[in-house]
Amino acid sequence: METTQQNYLRDLMKGRRSIRKYRTDHKISKEELTRMIEEASSAPSSANLQPWRVVVVESEEGKAKLRPLVMFNTLQNDTSSAMLLIFADTQHYKQSDYIFNKAVEEGKMPAEVRDQQLGAINAHYPQLPADKLNEVLKIDSAFFAMQLMLTAKAYGYDTNPIGGFEADRLAEAFDLDPERYSPVVILSLGQADETGYESVRLTPEQITFWR
C-alpha cells in the first residue's frame, strides 16, 4: 500500500517539467532561495565533502553578463527569477576539517572516526589527477543539482537544467578562479509561465539488466 509520503514524492518527480518561460512579475526572495539551497545540500557526496558551489544570478546586471554565455537559452535567462550557476570546487577538500570537526562537536561522529577520515582525505584528494577529481566532483554536484530541482518543485517553483553554455568563460565572468571552479550545470528557476511538455520515458525493461 502506498503511503501519503510515497504519493507525494512520486507526484513531485513526475510533475517536474523543464520550463523555459517564467513569470517576469514574480521574484523569489533571498531568504526563500537560501532555504532551498540549504535543503538541497542534504544531497550525498563523496566523503560528505559537498563540492558544489552556487552563483545566484538575479540582478539585471548579472543577467546581462550571463546572456551571451547561455547560447540558445536566453529565454530562461530573461524571464526567470534567478539563474543558478552550479560549480564544482576542486579545492573542496580544504573544508574537511570544518565539516568533520563540526560533526564531532554535534555528536554525529566519534573523534577517532574523524581522525581516520581526515587522514584518508588529506592523503588522497590532493594527489588525484585532475581528470579523475573532476569526474568525482561533477557526479557529486549533479546529485545536488537534481535535489535542488526537486526542492524547488516542492516550494511551488519550476526549473530547467541547462548544459548549453560557454563553460570555459563562465567562472571568470562571475569573478571565480577558473582553475579552481569547474562549471557543472545552470538551473533556471522561477514561477512557470507555460505548462511544459510531458516526456516519454524508457521502461524499466529497456534500461535494466538483471544478472
N, C-alpha and C. Protein backbone atom coordinates (compact mmCIF):
# COMPACT_ATOMS: atom_id res chain seq x y z
N MET A 1 0.85 -1.20 0.00
CA MET A 1 0.00 0.00 0.00
C MET A 1 0.88 1.25 0.00
N GLU A 2 0.58 2.17 -0.88
CA GLU A 2 1.36 3.39 -0.96
C GLU A 2 0.98 4.35 0.16
N THR A 3 1.98 5.00 0.73
CA THR A 3 1.74 5.97 1.78
C THR A 3 1.57 7.36 1.16
N THR A 4 1.10 8.28 1.98
CA THR A 4 0.97 9.67 1.52
C THR A 4 2.33 10.21 1.11
N GLN A 5 3.36 9.85 1.86
CA GLN A 5 4.71 10.32 1.56
C GLN A 5 5.18 9.80 0.21
N GLN A 6 4.90 8.51 -0.07
CA GLN A 6 5.28 7.93 -1.35
C GLN A 6 4.54 8.60 -2.50
N ASN A 7 3.26 8.85 -2.31
CA ASN A 7 2.48 9.52 -3.34
C ASN A 7 3.02 10.92 -3.61
N TYR A 8 3.37 11.63 -2.54
CA TYR A 8 3.89 12.99 -2.69
C TYR A 8 5.20 12.98 -3.47
N LEU A 9 6.09 12.08 -3.10
CA LEU A 9 7.38 12.02 -3.79
C LEU A 9 7.20 11.65 -5.26
N ARG A 10 6.33 10.70 -5.53
CA ARG A 10 6.08 10.31 -6.92
C ARG A 10 5.51 11.47 -7.72
N ASP A 11 4.54 12.16 -7.14
CA ASP A 11 3.93 13.30 -7.84
C ASP A 11 4.95 14.41 -8.07
N LEU A 12 5.84 14.60 -7.10
CA LEU A 12 6.88 15.62 -7.23
C LEU A 12 7.79 15.30 -8.41
N MET A 13 8.24 14.06 -8.49
CA MET A 13 9.16 13.67 -9.55
C MET A 13 8.48 13.67 -10.92
N LYS A 14 7.27 13.11 -10.97
CA LYS A 14 6.58 13.03 -12.26
C LYS A 14 6.00 14.37 -12.68
N GLY A 15 5.80 15.28 -11.74
CA GLY A 15 5.27 16.59 -12.07
C GLY A 15 6.31 17.59 -12.50
N ARG A 16 7.59 17.23 -12.34
CA ARG A 16 8.65 18.15 -12.74
C ARG A 16 8.69 18.26 -14.25
N ARG A 17 8.78 19.48 -14.74
CA ARG A 17 8.92 19.74 -16.17
C ARG A 17 10.10 20.68 -16.39
N SER A 18 10.70 20.62 -17.55
CA SER A 18 11.73 21.59 -17.92
C SER A 18 11.02 22.82 -18.48
N ILE A 19 11.00 23.86 -17.68
CA ILE A 19 10.28 25.09 -18.03
C ILE A 19 11.27 26.13 -18.54
N ARG A 20 10.93 26.72 -19.68
CA ARG A 20 11.82 27.70 -20.30
C ARG A 20 11.32 29.14 -20.19
N LYS A 21 10.03 29.31 -19.92
CA LYS A 21 9.47 30.66 -19.83
C LYS A 21 8.83 30.83 -18.46
N TYR A 22 9.18 31.93 -17.79
CA TYR A 22 8.73 32.16 -16.42
C TYR A 22 7.99 33.49 -16.31
N ARG A 23 7.23 33.63 -15.24
CA ARG A 23 6.52 34.89 -14.98
C ARG A 23 7.54 35.95 -14.56
N THR A 24 7.62 37.00 -15.32
CA THR A 24 8.60 38.04 -15.03
C THR A 24 8.16 38.95 -13.89
N ASP A 25 6.89 38.84 -13.48
CA ASP A 25 6.41 39.69 -12.38
C ASP A 25 6.58 39.02 -11.03
N HIS A 26 7.21 37.85 -11.00
CA HIS A 26 7.39 37.15 -9.73
C HIS A 26 8.88 37.01 -9.40
N LYS A 27 9.24 37.41 -8.20
CA LYS A 27 10.62 37.26 -7.74
C LYS A 27 10.64 36.35 -6.52
N ILE A 28 11.68 35.57 -6.41
CA ILE A 28 11.87 34.70 -5.25
C ILE A 28 12.80 35.43 -4.27
N SER A 29 12.40 35.49 -3.03
CA SER A 29 13.20 36.22 -2.04
C SER A 29 14.51 35.49 -1.77
N LYS A 30 15.48 36.25 -1.33
CA LYS A 30 16.79 35.69 -0.96
C LYS A 30 16.63 34.67 0.15
N GLU A 31 15.74 34.95 1.09
CA GLU A 31 15.53 34.05 2.23
C GLU A 31 14.97 32.71 1.77
N GLU A 32 13.98 32.75 0.87
CA GLU A 32 13.38 31.50 0.40
C GLU A 32 14.37 30.70 -0.44
N LEU A 33 15.10 31.38 -1.29
CA LEU A 33 16.08 30.69 -2.12
C LEU A 33 17.20 30.10 -1.28
N THR A 34 17.59 30.80 -0.23
CA THR A 34 18.60 30.28 0.68
C THR A 34 18.12 29.00 1.35
N ARG A 35 16.85 28.96 1.74
CA ARG A 35 16.29 27.75 2.35
C ARG A 35 16.31 26.58 1.36
N MET A 36 15.99 26.85 0.11
CA MET A 36 16.01 25.79 -0.90
C MET A 36 17.41 25.23 -1.09
N ILE A 37 18.39 26.12 -1.14
CA ILE A 37 19.78 25.68 -1.30
C ILE A 37 20.22 24.87 -0.08
N GLU A 38 19.81 25.32 1.10
CA GLU A 38 20.17 24.60 2.33
C GLU A 38 19.57 23.20 2.33
N GLU A 39 18.31 23.09 1.96
CA GLU A 39 17.65 21.78 1.96
C GLU A 39 18.25 20.86 0.90
N ALA A 40 18.54 21.41 -0.27
CA ALA A 40 19.12 20.59 -1.35
C ALA A 40 20.52 20.12 -1.00
N SER A 41 21.18 20.82 -0.10
CA SER A 41 22.55 20.47 0.28
C SER A 41 22.63 19.22 1.14
N SER A 42 21.48 18.61 1.42
CA SER A 42 21.50 17.30 2.08
C SER A 42 21.82 16.19 1.09
N ALA A 43 22.06 16.53 -0.17
CA ALA A 43 22.43 15.54 -1.19
C ALA A 43 23.72 14.81 -0.79
N PRO A 44 23.86 13.57 -1.21
CA PRO A 44 25.08 12.82 -0.88
C PRO A 44 26.27 13.30 -1.67
N SER A 45 27.46 13.09 -1.10
CA SER A 45 28.70 13.41 -1.81
C SER A 45 29.82 12.54 -1.26
N SER A 46 30.86 12.36 -2.03
CA SER A 46 31.99 11.53 -1.63
C SER A 46 32.62 12.09 -0.37
N ALA A 47 32.69 11.26 0.66
CA ALA A 47 33.26 11.64 1.96
C ALA A 47 32.52 12.82 2.60
N ASN A 48 31.31 13.08 2.13
CA ASN A 48 30.50 14.21 2.62
C ASN A 48 31.22 15.54 2.49
N LEU A 49 31.98 15.72 1.42
CA LEU A 49 32.76 16.94 1.26
C LEU A 49 32.02 18.04 0.51
N GLN A 50 30.85 17.73 -0.04
CA GLN A 50 29.94 18.75 -0.58
C GLN A 50 30.65 19.76 -1.49
N PRO A 51 31.11 19.33 -2.66
CA PRO A 51 31.93 20.19 -3.51
C PRO A 51 31.17 21.23 -4.30
N TRP A 52 29.84 21.21 -4.25
CA TRP A 52 29.05 22.14 -5.06
C TRP A 52 29.13 23.57 -4.52
N ARG A 53 29.17 24.51 -5.45
CA ARG A 53 29.13 25.93 -5.13
C ARG A 53 28.11 26.58 -6.07
N VAL A 54 27.39 27.57 -5.58
CA VAL A 54 26.28 28.15 -6.34
C VAL A 54 26.48 29.65 -6.50
N VAL A 55 26.40 30.12 -7.74
CA VAL A 55 26.33 31.55 -8.01
C VAL A 55 24.90 31.86 -8.41
N VAL A 56 24.23 32.71 -7.63
CA VAL A 56 22.85 33.10 -7.91
C VAL A 56 22.86 34.38 -8.74
N VAL A 57 22.41 34.27 -9.97
CA VAL A 57 22.37 35.43 -10.86
C VAL A 57 20.92 35.90 -10.95
N GLU A 58 20.63 37.04 -10.32
CA GLU A 58 19.25 37.53 -10.30
C GLU A 58 19.13 39.00 -10.67
N SER A 59 20.22 39.74 -10.63
CA SER A 59 20.17 41.17 -10.94
C SER A 59 20.16 41.38 -12.45
N GLU A 60 19.70 42.54 -12.86
CA GLU A 60 19.73 42.88 -14.29
C GLU A 60 21.16 42.88 -14.81
N GLU A 61 22.07 43.39 -14.02
CA GLU A 61 23.47 43.43 -14.43
C GLU A 61 24.03 42.02 -14.59
N GLY A 62 23.72 41.16 -13.63
CA GLY A 62 24.22 39.79 -13.70
C GLY A 62 23.65 39.04 -14.88
N LYS A 63 22.35 39.21 -15.14
CA LYS A 63 21.73 38.51 -16.27
C LYS A 63 22.25 39.03 -17.61
N ALA A 64 22.55 40.32 -17.66
CA ALA A 64 23.12 40.87 -18.90
C ALA A 64 24.49 40.27 -19.16
N LYS A 65 25.23 40.03 -18.11
CA LYS A 65 26.55 39.42 -18.23
C LYS A 65 26.44 37.95 -18.64
N LEU A 66 25.41 37.28 -18.12
CA LEU A 66 25.24 35.86 -18.41
C LEU A 66 24.66 35.60 -19.80
N ARG A 67 23.84 36.52 -20.29
CA ARG A 67 23.07 36.30 -21.51
C ARG A 67 23.92 35.80 -22.69
N PRO A 68 25.04 36.43 -23.02
CA PRO A 68 25.81 35.94 -24.18
C PRO A 68 26.51 34.61 -23.93
N LEU A 69 26.46 34.10 -22.71
CA LEU A 69 27.16 32.86 -22.39
C LEU A 69 26.25 31.64 -22.38
N VAL A 70 24.92 31.86 -22.55
CA VAL A 70 24.00 30.72 -22.44
C VAL A 70 23.42 30.28 -23.78
N MET A 71 24.05 30.69 -24.86
CA MET A 71 23.74 30.18 -26.20
C MET A 71 22.27 30.31 -26.55
N PHE A 72 21.57 29.16 -26.67
CA PHE A 72 20.18 29.17 -27.11
C PHE A 72 19.20 29.16 -25.93
N ASN A 73 19.67 29.57 -24.78
CA ASN A 73 18.85 29.51 -23.58
C ASN A 73 18.58 30.90 -22.99
N THR A 74 18.49 31.89 -23.87
CA THR A 74 18.30 33.26 -23.40
C THR A 74 16.90 33.50 -22.84
N LEU A 75 15.89 32.75 -23.28
CA LEU A 75 14.54 32.94 -22.76
C LEU A 75 14.51 32.64 -21.26
N GLN A 76 15.16 31.58 -20.85
CA GLN A 76 15.22 31.25 -19.43
C GLN A 76 15.92 32.36 -18.66
N ASN A 77 17.01 32.83 -19.22
CA ASN A 77 17.78 33.89 -18.56
C ASN A 77 16.95 35.17 -18.42
N ASP A 78 16.21 35.51 -19.47
CA ASP A 78 15.47 36.77 -19.49
C ASP A 78 14.23 36.77 -18.60
N THR A 79 13.60 35.60 -18.41
CA THR A 79 12.32 35.56 -17.71
C THR A 79 12.39 34.97 -16.31
N SER A 80 13.41 34.20 -15.99
CA SER A 80 13.46 33.51 -14.70
C SER A 80 13.68 34.48 -13.54
N SER A 81 13.31 34.02 -12.35
CA SER A 81 13.61 34.79 -11.15
C SER A 81 15.12 34.79 -10.88
N ALA A 82 15.74 33.68 -11.19
CA ALA A 82 17.19 33.58 -10.97
C ALA A 82 17.76 32.47 -11.85
N MET A 83 19.01 32.65 -12.19
CA MET A 83 19.79 31.59 -12.86
C MET A 83 20.83 31.11 -11.84
N LEU A 84 20.83 29.82 -11.58
CA LEU A 84 21.72 29.26 -10.59
C LEU A 84 22.88 28.55 -11.30
N LEU A 85 24.06 29.08 -11.15
CA LEU A 85 25.24 28.51 -11.77
C LEU A 85 25.87 27.54 -10.79
N ILE A 86 25.87 26.26 -11.12
CA ILE A 86 26.40 25.24 -10.22
C ILE A 86 27.83 24.90 -10.64
N PHE A 87 28.75 25.13 -9.73
CA PHE A 87 30.17 24.84 -9.97
C PHE A 87 30.63 23.73 -9.02
N ALA A 88 31.67 23.03 -9.43
CA ALA A 88 32.37 22.09 -8.55
C ALA A 88 33.69 22.74 -8.12
N ASP A 89 33.94 22.74 -6.84
CA ASP A 89 35.14 23.35 -6.27
C ASP A 89 36.24 22.30 -6.18
N THR A 90 37.28 22.45 -6.97
CA THR A 90 38.36 21.45 -6.98
C THR A 90 39.19 21.47 -5.70
N GLN A 91 39.02 22.50 -4.88
CA GLN A 91 39.70 22.56 -3.58
C GLN A 91 38.73 22.33 -2.43
N HIS A 92 37.66 21.61 -2.73
CA HIS A 92 36.62 21.37 -1.73
C HIS A 92 37.12 20.67 -0.49
N TYR A 93 38.15 19.83 -0.64
CA TYR A 93 38.65 19.05 0.49
C TYR A 93 39.26 19.93 1.59
N LYS A 94 39.53 21.20 1.26
CA LYS A 94 40.07 22.11 2.28
C LYS A 94 39.02 22.47 3.33
N GLN A 95 37.77 22.12 3.07
CA GLN A 95 36.70 22.32 4.06
C GLN A 95 36.55 21.11 4.97
N SER A 96 37.37 20.09 4.78
CA SER A 96 37.16 18.83 5.51
C SER A 96 37.33 19.00 7.01
N ASP A 97 38.30 19.79 7.46
CA ASP A 97 38.48 20.00 8.90
C ASP A 97 37.21 20.59 9.52
N TYR A 98 36.66 21.60 8.87
CA TYR A 98 35.44 22.23 9.39
C TYR A 98 34.30 21.22 9.46
N ILE A 99 34.08 20.47 8.38
CA ILE A 99 32.96 19.54 8.31
C ILE A 99 33.08 18.46 9.38
N PHE A 100 34.25 17.86 9.50
CA PHE A 100 34.40 16.73 10.42
C PHE A 100 34.52 17.16 11.87
N ASN A 101 35.15 18.31 12.12
CA ASN A 101 35.19 18.82 13.50
C ASN A 101 33.79 19.18 13.98
N LYS A 102 32.99 19.77 13.10
CA LYS A 102 31.62 20.12 13.47
C LYS A 102 30.79 18.87 13.72
N ALA A 103 31.04 17.83 12.94
CA ALA A 103 30.32 16.57 13.14
C ALA A 103 30.62 15.99 14.52
N VAL A 104 31.86 16.10 14.96
CA VAL A 104 32.23 15.62 16.29
C VAL A 104 31.59 16.50 17.35
N GLU A 105 31.66 17.80 17.18
CA GLU A 105 31.06 18.74 18.15
C GLU A 105 29.58 18.49 18.33
N GLU A 106 28.88 18.14 17.26
CA GLU A 106 27.43 17.93 17.32
C GLU A 106 27.05 16.50 17.67
N GLY A 107 28.05 15.69 18.00
CA GLY A 107 27.78 14.32 18.41
C GLY A 107 27.36 13.39 17.29
N LYS A 108 27.72 13.75 16.06
CA LYS A 108 27.33 12.94 14.91
C LYS A 108 28.42 11.96 14.47
N MET A 109 29.58 12.09 15.09
CA MET A 109 30.71 11.25 14.68
C MET A 109 31.71 11.15 15.84
N PRO A 110 32.23 9.96 16.13
CA PRO A 110 33.28 9.84 17.14
C PRO A 110 34.57 10.49 16.66
N ALA A 111 35.36 11.01 17.58
CA ALA A 111 36.60 11.70 17.23
C ALA A 111 37.56 10.79 16.47
N GLU A 112 37.59 9.50 16.85
CA GLU A 112 38.53 8.59 16.18
C GLU A 112 38.15 8.37 14.72
N VAL A 113 36.85 8.37 14.43
CA VAL A 113 36.40 8.23 13.04
C VAL A 113 36.78 9.49 12.26
N ARG A 114 36.58 10.65 12.87
CA ARG A 114 37.02 11.91 12.23
C ARG A 114 38.49 11.85 11.86
N ASP A 115 39.32 11.42 12.80
CA ASP A 115 40.76 11.39 12.56
C ASP A 115 41.12 10.45 11.42
N GLN A 116 40.46 9.30 11.37
CA GLN A 116 40.69 8.35 10.28
C GLN A 116 40.28 8.94 8.94
N GLN A 117 39.10 9.56 8.93
CA GLN A 117 38.59 10.14 7.69
C GLN A 117 39.48 11.28 7.19
N LEU A 118 39.87 12.17 8.09
CA LEU A 118 40.70 13.30 7.68
C LEU A 118 42.05 12.83 7.17
N GLY A 119 42.60 11.81 7.80
CA GLY A 119 43.87 11.27 7.32
C GLY A 119 43.76 10.74 5.91
N ALA A 120 42.68 10.02 5.64
CA ALA A 120 42.47 9.46 4.30
C ALA A 120 42.22 10.56 3.27
N ILE A 121 41.42 11.55 3.63
CA ILE A 121 41.10 12.64 2.71
C ILE A 121 42.35 13.43 2.36
N ASN A 122 43.12 13.81 3.37
CA ASN A 122 44.30 14.63 3.13
C ASN A 122 45.39 13.89 2.37
N ALA A 123 45.36 12.57 2.44
CA ALA A 123 46.34 11.78 1.68
C ALA A 123 45.87 11.53 0.25
N HIS A 124 44.57 11.45 0.06
CA HIS A 124 44.03 11.02 -1.23
C HIS A 124 43.73 12.17 -2.19
N TYR A 125 42.93 13.13 -1.74
CA TYR A 125 42.41 14.13 -2.67
C TYR A 125 43.47 15.03 -3.31
N PRO A 126 44.45 15.53 -2.56
CA PRO A 126 45.45 16.40 -3.22
C PRO A 126 46.27 15.68 -4.29
N GLN A 127 46.28 14.33 -4.25
CA GLN A 127 47.08 13.57 -5.20
C GLN A 127 46.30 13.10 -6.42
N LEU A 128 44.99 13.29 -6.41
CA LEU A 128 44.17 12.80 -7.52
C LEU A 128 44.50 13.55 -8.81
N PRO A 129 44.64 12.84 -9.94
CA PRO A 129 44.78 13.52 -11.23
C PRO A 129 43.57 14.41 -11.50
N ALA A 130 43.78 15.50 -12.18
CA ALA A 130 42.72 16.49 -12.39
C ALA A 130 41.48 15.87 -13.06
N ASP A 131 41.69 14.98 -14.03
CA ASP A 131 40.52 14.41 -14.72
C ASP A 131 39.71 13.51 -13.81
N LYS A 132 40.38 12.74 -12.95
CA LYS A 132 39.67 11.87 -12.02
C LYS A 132 38.93 12.69 -10.97
N LEU A 133 39.59 13.73 -10.46
CA LEU A 133 38.96 14.60 -9.47
C LEU A 133 37.72 15.27 -10.06
N ASN A 134 37.86 15.78 -11.27
CA ASN A 134 36.74 16.48 -11.91
C ASN A 134 35.55 15.54 -12.12
N GLU A 135 35.83 14.30 -12.44
CA GLU A 135 34.77 13.32 -12.64
C GLU A 135 33.97 13.09 -11.36
N VAL A 136 34.68 12.93 -10.25
CA VAL A 136 34.02 12.72 -8.96
C VAL A 136 33.20 13.95 -8.56
N LEU A 137 33.80 15.13 -8.73
CA LEU A 137 33.13 16.36 -8.30
C LEU A 137 31.89 16.64 -9.12
N LYS A 138 31.92 16.35 -10.40
CA LYS A 138 30.75 16.62 -11.24
C LYS A 138 29.60 15.66 -10.92
N ILE A 139 29.92 14.43 -10.57
CA ILE A 139 28.87 13.50 -10.16
C ILE A 139 28.22 14.00 -8.87
N ASP A 140 29.06 14.36 -7.89
CA ASP A 140 28.52 14.85 -6.62
C ASP A 140 27.69 16.11 -6.82
N SER A 141 28.17 17.03 -7.63
CA SER A 141 27.46 18.29 -7.86
C SER A 141 26.16 18.07 -8.63
N ALA A 142 26.13 17.04 -9.47
CA ALA A 142 24.90 16.71 -10.19
C ALA A 142 23.84 16.17 -9.23
N PHE A 143 24.26 15.41 -8.20
CA PHE A 143 23.30 14.98 -7.17
C PHE A 143 22.65 16.20 -6.53
N PHE A 144 23.47 17.19 -6.20
CA PHE A 144 22.94 18.41 -5.58
C PHE A 144 22.00 19.14 -6.52
N ALA A 145 22.37 19.25 -7.79
CA ALA A 145 21.54 19.97 -8.76
C ALA A 145 20.18 19.30 -8.91
N MET A 146 20.16 17.97 -8.98
CA MET A 146 18.89 17.26 -9.10
C MET A 146 18.04 17.47 -7.86
N GLN A 147 18.67 17.40 -6.70
CA GLN A 147 17.92 17.58 -5.46
C GLN A 147 17.40 19.02 -5.36
N LEU A 148 18.15 19.97 -5.88
CA LEU A 148 17.71 21.36 -5.87
C LEU A 148 16.49 21.55 -6.77
N MET A 149 16.46 20.87 -7.91
CA MET A 149 15.30 20.97 -8.79
C MET A 149 14.04 20.42 -8.12
N LEU A 150 14.19 19.30 -7.41
CA LEU A 150 13.03 18.72 -6.73
C LEU A 150 12.62 19.57 -5.53
N THR A 151 13.59 20.16 -4.84
CA THR A 151 13.28 21.06 -3.73
C THR A 151 12.50 22.27 -4.24
N ALA A 152 12.96 22.84 -5.36
CA ALA A 152 12.26 23.98 -5.94
C ALA A 152 10.82 23.60 -6.30
N LYS A 153 10.63 22.41 -6.84
CA LYS A 153 9.28 21.96 -7.18
C LYS A 153 8.41 21.85 -5.94
N ALA A 154 8.99 21.38 -4.84
CA ALA A 154 8.24 21.27 -3.59
C ALA A 154 7.84 22.64 -3.07
N TYR A 155 8.60 23.67 -3.40
CA TYR A 155 8.29 25.04 -3.00
C TYR A 155 7.31 25.72 -3.97
N GLY A 156 6.93 25.00 -5.03
CA GLY A 156 5.98 25.56 -5.99
C GLY A 156 6.63 26.26 -7.17
N TYR A 157 7.93 26.03 -7.38
CA TYR A 157 8.64 26.66 -8.48
C TYR A 157 9.06 25.63 -9.52
N ASP A 158 9.50 26.12 -10.66
CA ASP A 158 9.94 25.23 -11.73
C ASP A 158 11.36 25.58 -12.14
N THR A 159 11.97 24.64 -12.85
CA THR A 159 13.38 24.78 -13.22
C THR A 159 13.61 24.25 -14.62
N ASN A 160 14.79 24.53 -15.12
CA ASN A 160 15.25 23.95 -16.38
C ASN A 160 16.76 23.76 -16.27
N PRO A 161 17.24 22.52 -16.33
CA PRO A 161 18.69 22.30 -16.31
C PRO A 161 19.28 22.64 -17.68
N ILE A 162 20.32 23.45 -17.68
CA ILE A 162 20.90 23.95 -18.92
C ILE A 162 22.35 23.49 -19.03
N GLY A 163 22.64 22.77 -20.11
CA GLY A 163 24.02 22.35 -20.36
C GLY A 163 24.67 23.13 -21.48
N GLY A 164 23.86 23.92 -22.20
CA GLY A 164 24.39 24.70 -23.31
C GLY A 164 24.84 26.07 -22.86
N PHE A 165 26.11 26.19 -22.51
CA PHE A 165 26.67 27.48 -22.10
C PHE A 165 28.18 27.47 -22.35
N GLU A 166 28.77 28.65 -22.30
CA GLU A 166 30.20 28.78 -22.56
C GLU A 166 30.98 28.39 -21.31
N ALA A 167 31.25 27.10 -21.17
CA ALA A 167 31.85 26.58 -19.95
C ALA A 167 33.22 27.19 -19.65
N ASP A 168 33.98 27.48 -20.68
CA ASP A 168 35.34 27.98 -20.47
C ASP A 168 35.37 29.45 -20.06
N ARG A 169 34.22 30.13 -20.11
CA ARG A 169 34.17 31.55 -19.78
C ARG A 169 33.33 31.85 -18.54
N LEU A 170 32.60 30.86 -18.05
CA LEU A 170 31.59 31.12 -17.03
C LEU A 170 32.17 31.55 -15.69
N ALA A 171 33.16 30.84 -15.19
CA ALA A 171 33.71 31.16 -13.87
C ALA A 171 34.31 32.56 -13.84
N GLU A 172 35.14 32.85 -14.81
CA GLU A 172 35.82 34.15 -14.83
C GLU A 172 34.82 35.29 -14.99
N ALA A 173 33.74 35.07 -15.74
CA ALA A 173 32.74 36.11 -15.94
C ALA A 173 32.09 36.53 -14.62
N PHE A 174 32.07 35.60 -13.65
CA PHE A 174 31.44 35.90 -12.36
C PHE A 174 32.46 35.89 -11.22
N ASP A 175 33.68 36.30 -11.58
CA ASP A 175 34.74 36.58 -10.61
C ASP A 175 35.17 35.36 -9.80
N LEU A 176 35.13 34.18 -10.41
CA LEU A 176 35.64 32.98 -9.78
C LEU A 176 36.90 32.53 -10.51
N ASP A 177 37.78 31.88 -9.79
CA ASP A 177 39.02 31.36 -10.37
C ASP A 177 38.69 30.17 -11.28
N PRO A 178 38.89 30.29 -12.59
CA PRO A 178 38.52 29.19 -13.50
C PRO A 178 39.39 27.95 -13.31
N GLU A 179 40.55 28.10 -12.68
CA GLU A 179 41.39 26.93 -12.41
C GLU A 179 40.84 26.12 -11.23
N ARG A 180 40.07 26.79 -10.38
CA ARG A 180 39.54 26.13 -9.18
C ARG A 180 38.09 25.69 -9.35
N TYR A 181 37.28 26.52 -9.99
CA TYR A 181 35.84 26.26 -10.07
C TYR A 181 35.46 25.77 -11.46
N SER A 182 34.91 24.55 -11.50
CA SER A 182 34.54 23.92 -12.77
C SER A 182 33.03 23.92 -12.93
N PRO A 183 32.48 24.54 -13.98
CA PRO A 183 31.03 24.60 -14.15
C PRO A 183 30.44 23.23 -14.43
N VAL A 184 29.29 22.96 -13.82
CA VAL A 184 28.62 21.67 -13.98
C VAL A 184 27.33 21.83 -14.78
N VAL A 185 26.45 22.71 -14.34
CA VAL A 185 25.15 22.92 -14.98
C VAL A 185 24.61 24.27 -14.52
N ILE A 186 23.71 24.82 -15.31
CA ILE A 186 22.98 26.02 -14.92
C ILE A 186 21.51 25.64 -14.76
N LEU A 187 20.90 26.10 -13.68
CA LEU A 187 19.47 25.88 -13.48
C LEU A 187 18.75 27.21 -13.56
N SER A 188 17.76 27.32 -14.45
CA SER A 188 16.86 28.47 -14.39
C SER A 188 15.80 28.15 -13.36
N LEU A 189 15.31 29.20 -12.69
CA LEU A 189 14.38 28.99 -11.58
C LEU A 189 13.34 30.10 -11.56
N GLY A 190 12.09 29.73 -11.38
CA GLY A 190 11.05 30.75 -11.30
C GLY A 190 9.66 30.14 -11.27
N GLN A 191 8.68 30.99 -11.40
CA GLN A 191 7.29 30.56 -11.45
C GLN A 191 6.89 30.41 -12.92
N ALA A 192 6.47 29.22 -13.29
CA ALA A 192 6.25 28.89 -14.69
C ALA A 192 5.21 29.79 -15.36
N ASP A 193 5.51 30.14 -16.62
CA ASP A 193 4.56 30.88 -17.44
C ASP A 193 4.19 30.04 -18.66
N GLU A 194 4.38 28.74 -18.54
CA GLU A 194 3.97 27.76 -19.55
C GLU A 194 3.81 26.43 -18.83
N THR A 195 3.15 25.49 -19.46
CA THR A 195 2.90 24.22 -18.79
C THR A 195 4.05 23.23 -18.98
N GLY A 196 4.86 23.43 -20.01
CA GLY A 196 5.91 22.46 -20.29
C GLY A 196 5.33 21.22 -20.94
N TYR A 197 6.20 20.34 -21.37
CA TYR A 197 5.77 19.15 -22.09
C TYR A 197 5.99 17.90 -21.25
N GLU A 198 5.01 17.01 -21.30
CA GLU A 198 5.25 15.68 -20.75
C GLU A 198 6.22 14.97 -21.68
N SER A 199 7.00 14.07 -21.12
CA SER A 199 8.01 13.39 -21.94
C SER A 199 7.84 11.88 -21.84
N VAL A 200 8.27 11.21 -22.88
CA VAL A 200 8.23 9.75 -22.92
C VAL A 200 9.47 9.21 -22.23
N ARG A 201 9.30 8.23 -21.37
CA ARG A 201 10.42 7.63 -20.66
C ARG A 201 10.58 6.18 -21.07
N LEU A 202 11.80 5.73 -21.14
CA LEU A 202 12.05 4.31 -21.39
C LEU A 202 11.53 3.49 -20.21
N THR A 203 11.10 2.29 -20.49
CA THR A 203 10.54 1.42 -19.45
C THR A 203 11.67 0.78 -18.64
N PRO A 204 11.36 0.28 -17.44
CA PRO A 204 12.38 -0.44 -16.67
C PRO A 204 12.99 -1.60 -17.46
N GLU A 205 12.16 -2.27 -18.29
CA GLU A 205 12.68 -3.39 -19.08
C GLU A 205 13.72 -2.94 -20.10
N GLN A 206 13.60 -1.70 -20.56
CA GLN A 206 14.55 -1.19 -21.55
C GLN A 206 15.86 -0.69 -20.95
N ILE A 207 15.87 -0.39 -19.68
CA ILE A 207 17.07 0.20 -19.09
C ILE A 207 17.74 -0.65 -18.01
N THR A 208 17.12 -1.81 -17.69
CA THR A 208 17.61 -2.61 -16.57
C THR A 208 18.16 -3.95 -17.05
N PHE A 209 19.30 -4.31 -16.52
CA PHE A 209 19.90 -5.62 -16.82
C PHE A 209 19.90 -6.44 -15.52
N TRP A 210 19.21 -7.56 -15.53
CA TRP A 210 19.17 -8.45 -14.36
C TRP A 210 20.18 -9.58 -14.57
N ARG A 211 21.00 -9.78 -13.59
CA ARG A 211 22.02 -10.85 -13.69
C ARG A 211 21.95 -11.77 -12.49
